[in-house]
């Protein structure tokens, strides 16, 4: 998503039969939303006397979050750029042996690129959770639910990105590479999904146990 594209325009493109944006871009957007919520909690915490003792730590978290948010937005565009040539390769209708070999080569390269972006998205989810976990303990209590929403979005990002890895690796002819990419996705998914779920449960418990 670039600065010239409104959210409405981007969603209309997502809903259209155009090859991009797609599920990978949607996952990156979910990641951006998750960290944006974390930044909101940080900014609601900064400047408050009640949280003066964690002011500097929260300020650093907000700055890290701003960089992460930018990275997720870049990954929305990276996903589109990776998939566009793959979509073009799928549309090829070769009639000669050499053309068939060229299509096979283009597909293999395109699938590798298309699988790499959701892996990057999954990797950054751990960084988002690092921030949200601290904010759940030290951020403004008035925005605790927003940390929880961020945690649910991280889980969505992870699970959706894992699907986008799998849909691309299943077509790879290089099965060893496919297994390596799938293994990386599984590691990111299991480690960070459990963290996101635990954070969500922790916040639910805090909200249910607090005085109204």
Protein backbone atom coordinates (compact mmCIF):
# COMPACT_ATOMS: atom_id res chain seq x y z
CA UNK A 1 0.00 0.00 0.00
CA UNK A 2 1.62 3.27 -1.06
CA UNK A 3 0.79 6.78 0.06
CA UNK A 4 -1.22 7.44 -3.08
CA UNK A 5 -3.64 4.58 -2.38
CA UNK A 6 -6.47 5.09 0.11
CA UNK A 7 -7.64 2.31 2.39
CA UNK A 8 -10.91 2.15 0.47
CA UNK A 9 -9.09 1.84 -2.86
CA UNK A 10 -6.80 -0.86 -1.50
CA UNK A 11 -9.71 -2.86 -0.11
CA UNK A 12 -11.55 -2.55 -3.40
CA UNK A 13 -8.45 -3.91 -5.15
CA UNK A 14 -8.24 -6.73 -2.62
CA UNK A 15 -11.87 -7.61 -3.32
CA UNK A 16 -11.34 -7.58 -7.08
CA UNK A 17 -10.10 -10.46 -9.28
CA UNK A 18 -6.79 -8.61 -9.79
CA UNK A 19 -3.76 -10.75 -8.87
CA UNK A 20 -2.59 -8.24 -6.28
CA UNK A 21 -3.08 -7.40 -3.50
CA UNK A 22 -3.90 -10.77 -2.00
CA UNK A 23 -3.73 -12.77 1.19
CA UNK A 24 -0.08 -12.01 1.83
CA UNK A 25 -0.67 -8.29 1.69
CA UNK A 26 -3.69 -8.68 3.95
CA UNK A 27 -1.48 -10.47 6.50
CA UNK A 28 1.08 -7.69 6.40
CA UNK A 29 -1.70 -5.16 6.94
CA UNK A 30 -2.88 -7.14 9.99
CA UNK A 31 0.66 -6.99 11.34
CA UNK A 32 0.76 -3.24 10.79
CA UNK A 33 -2.56 -2.87 12.61
CA UNK A 34 -1.27 -4.94 15.53
CA UNK A 35 1.79 -2.79 16.08
CA UNK A 36 -0.17 0.42 15.46
CA UNK A 37 -2.39 -0.55 18.39
CA UNK A 38 0.73 -1.11 20.46
CA UNK A 39 1.98 2.35 19.51
CA UNK A 40 -1.37 3.82 20.51
CA UNK A 41 -1.09 2.23 23.95
CA UNK A 42 2.45 3.54 24.27
CA UNK A 43 1.39 7.06 23.34
CA UNK A 44 -1.50 6.92 25.80
CA UNK A 45 1.04 5.98 28.47
CA UNK A 46 3.66 8.61 27.69
CA UNK A 47 3.40 11.85 29.64
CA UNK A 48 1.19 10.41 32.37
CA UNK A 49 2.42 10.91 35.94
CA UNK A 50 1.20 7.46 36.91
CA UNK A 51 3.64 5.90 34.43
CA UNK A 52 6.57 8.27 34.91
CA UNK A 53 8.85 5.45 36.07
CA UNK A 54 8.46 3.61 32.74
CA UNK A 55 8.42 6.72 30.52
CA UNK A 56 11.76 6.13 28.82
CA UNK A 57 11.18 2.40 28.31
CA UNK A 58 7.77 3.04 26.74
CA UNK A 59 9.19 5.77 24.54
CA UNK A 60 11.74 3.31 23.17
CA UNK A 61 8.97 0.78 22.55
CA UNK A 62 6.99 3.37 20.61
CA UNK A 63 10.00 4.18 18.45
CA UNK A 64 10.60 0.47 17.77
CA UNK A 65 6.94 0.11 16.94
CA UNK A 66 7.08 2.95 14.42
CA UNK A 67 9.90 1.21 12.58
CA UNK A 68 8.05 -2.11 12.65
CA UNK A 69 4.89 -0.51 11.32
CA UNK A 70 6.86 0.88 8.40
CA UNK A 71 8.36 -2.54 7.70
CA UNK A 72 4.93 -4.17 7.58
CA UNK A 73 3.69 -1.54 5.15
CA UNK A 74 6.74 -2.19 2.97
CA UNK A 75 5.91 -5.90 3.07
CA UNK A 76 2.44 -5.20 1.67
CA UNK A 77 4.12 -3.81 -1.43
CA UNK A 78 6.82 -6.50 -1.40
CA UNK A 79 4.16 -9.20 -1.47
CA UNK A 80 2.51 -7.62 -4.50
CA UNK A 81 5.85 -7.26 -6.27
CA UNK A 82 6.72 -10.89 -5.56
CA UNK A 83 3.42 -12.29 -6.77
CA UNK A 84 3.00 -10.22 -9.95
CA UNK A 85 5.66 -12.09 -11.99
CA UNK A 86 4.38 -15.42 -10.63
CA UNK A 87 0.87 -14.60 -11.81
CA UNK A 88 2.31 -13.69 -15.20
CA UNK A 89 4.16 -17.02 -15.37
CA UNK A 90 0.96 -18.95 -14.60
CA UNK A 91 -0.71 -17.23 -17.56
CA UNK A 92 1.96 -18.37 -20.05
CA UNK A 93 0.81 -20.92 -22.62
CA UNK A 94 4.06 -22.34 -24.03
CA UNK A 95 3.98 -24.29 -27.29
CA UNK A 96 7.64 -25.26 -27.63
CA UNK A 97 9.97 -27.27 -25.38
CA UNK A 98 12.18 -24.24 -24.75
CA UNK A 99 9.16 -22.11 -23.86
CA UNK A 100 7.95 -24.80 -21.47
CA UNK A 101 11.36 -24.84 -19.79
CA UNK A 102 11.24 -21.06 -19.48
CA UNK A 103 7.81 -21.22 -17.87
CA UNK A 104 9.01 -23.88 -15.41
CA UNK A 105 12.01 -21.74 -14.50
CA UNK A 106 9.86 -18.62 -14.06
CA UNK A 107 7.41 -20.54 -11.87
CA UNK A 108 10.15 -21.94 -9.66
CA UNK A 109 11.75 -18.54 -9.13
CA UNK A 110 8.39 -16.88 -8.64
CA UNK A 111 7.25 -19.41 -6.05
CA UNK A 112 10.45 -18.96 -4.07
CA UNK A 113 10.03 -15.17 -4.01
CA UNK A 114 6.33 -15.44 -3.17
CA UNK A 115 7.09 -17.74 -0.22
CA UNK A 116 9.83 -15.50 1.15
CA UNK A 117 7.65 -12.48 1.89
CA UNK A 118 5.17 -14.21 4.24
CA UNK A 119 8.17 -15.68 6.07
CA UNK A 120 9.43 -12.15 6.65
CA UNK A 121 5.98 -11.19 7.90
CA UNK A 122 6.01 -14.10 10.35
CA UNK A 123 9.49 -13.23 11.58
CA UNK A 124 8.42 -9.70 12.49
CA UNK A 125 5.46 -10.98 14.48
CA UNK A 126 7.87 -11.98 17.24
CA UNK A 127 9.09 -8.37 17.43
CA UNK A 128 5.51 -7.14 17.74
CA UNK A 129 4.86 -9.55 20.60
CA UNK A 130 8.02 -8.39 22.37
CA UNK A 131 6.48 -4.92 22.50
CA UNK A 132 2.91 -5.93 23.30
CA UNK A 133 3.98 -8.20 26.17
CA UNK A 134 5.74 -5.30 27.89
CA UNK A 135 2.87 -2.91 27.28
CA UNK A 136 0.45 -5.42 28.81
CA UNK A 137 2.37 -5.03 32.06
CA UNK A 138 3.54 -1.43 31.93
CA UNK A 139 1.22 0.41 29.54
CA UNK A 140 -1.90 2.41 30.33
CA UNK A 141 -4.52 0.24 32.04
CA UNK A 142 -7.19 2.19 30.16
CA UNK A 143 -5.95 0.69 26.88
CA UNK A 144 -5.27 -2.85 28.05
CA UNK A 145 -7.95 -4.25 25.74
CA UNK A 146 -6.14 -2.70 22.77
CA UNK A 147 -3.06 -4.74 23.61
CA UNK A 148 -5.32 -7.78 23.55
CA UNK A 149 -6.69 -6.84 20.15
CA UNK A 150 -3.10 -6.50 18.95
CA UNK A 151 -2.37 -10.01 20.20
CA UNK A 152 -5.32 -11.44 18.26
CA UNK A 153 -4.15 -9.65 15.13
CA UNK A 154 -0.66 -11.09 15.56
CA UNK A 155 -2.13 -14.59 15.68
CA UNK A 156 -4.15 -13.88 12.54
CA UNK A 157 -1.04 -12.54 10.84
CA UNK A 158 0.97 -15.63 11.74
CA UNK A 159 -1.63 -18.16 10.68
CA UNK A 160 -2.48 -16.36 7.46
CA UNK A 161 1.16 -15.90 6.49
CA UNK A 162 1.82 -19.59 7.16
CA UNK A 163 -0.91 -20.45 4.66
CA UNK A 164 0.72 -18.18 2.12
CA UNK A 165 4.04 -19.94 2.57
CA UNK A 166 2.37 -23.33 2.11
CA UNK A 167 0.43 -22.41 -1.03
CA UNK A 168 3.70 -21.45 -2.69
CA UNK A 169 5.98 -24.20 -1.42
CA UNK A 170 3.58 -26.92 -2.53
CA UNK A 171 4.32 -25.97 -6.14
CA UNK A 172 8.11 -25.90 -5.82
CA UNK A 173 10.00 -28.55 -7.76
CA UNK A 174 12.91 -28.19 -5.34
CA UNK A 175 11.37 -30.24 -2.55
CA UNK A 176 14.31 -29.83 -0.20
CA UNK A 177 13.92 -26.05 -0.36
CA UNK A 178 10.17 -26.44 0.08
CA UNK A 179 10.69 -28.46 3.25
CA UNK A 180 13.17 -25.89 4.59
CA UNK A 181 10.74 -23.02 4.00
CA UNK A 182 7.86 -24.98 5.51
CA UNK A 183 10.00 -25.80 8.53
CA UNK A 184 10.87 -22.14 9.10
CA UNK A 185 7.19 -21.22 8.86
CA UNK A 186 6.26 -23.95 11.36
CA UNK A 187 8.85 -22.71 13.85
CA UNK A 188 7.64 -19.11 13.63
CA UNK A 189 4.02 -20.21 13.85
CA UNK A 190 4.27 -22.48 16.85
CA UNK A 191 6.54 -20.28 18.94
CA UNK A 192 4.74 -17.02 18.38
CA UNK A 193 1.16 -18.30 18.16
CA UNK A 194 1.53 -19.69 21.66
CA UNK A 195 2.86 -16.33 22.85
CA UNK A 196 -0.04 -14.44 21.24
CA UNK A 197 -2.58 -16.82 22.76
CA UNK A 198 -0.96 -16.59 26.19
CA UNK A 199 -0.94 -12.79 26.03
CA UNK A 200 -4.61 -12.73 25.04
CA UNK A 201 -5.52 -15.04 27.94
CA UNK A 202 -3.49 -12.94 30.34
CA UNK A 203 -5.29 -9.77 29.30
CA UNK A 204 -8.70 -11.46 29.49
CA UNK A 205 -7.90 -12.55 33.03
CA UNK A 206 -6.84 -9.05 34.01
CA UNK A 207 -9.97 -7.48 32.53
CA UNK A 208 -12.29 -10.01 34.15
CA UNK A 209 -10.63 -9.64 37.51
CA UNK A 210 -10.43 -5.88 37.73
CA UNK A 211 -12.87 -3.77 39.69
CA UNK A 212 -15.52 -1.96 37.63
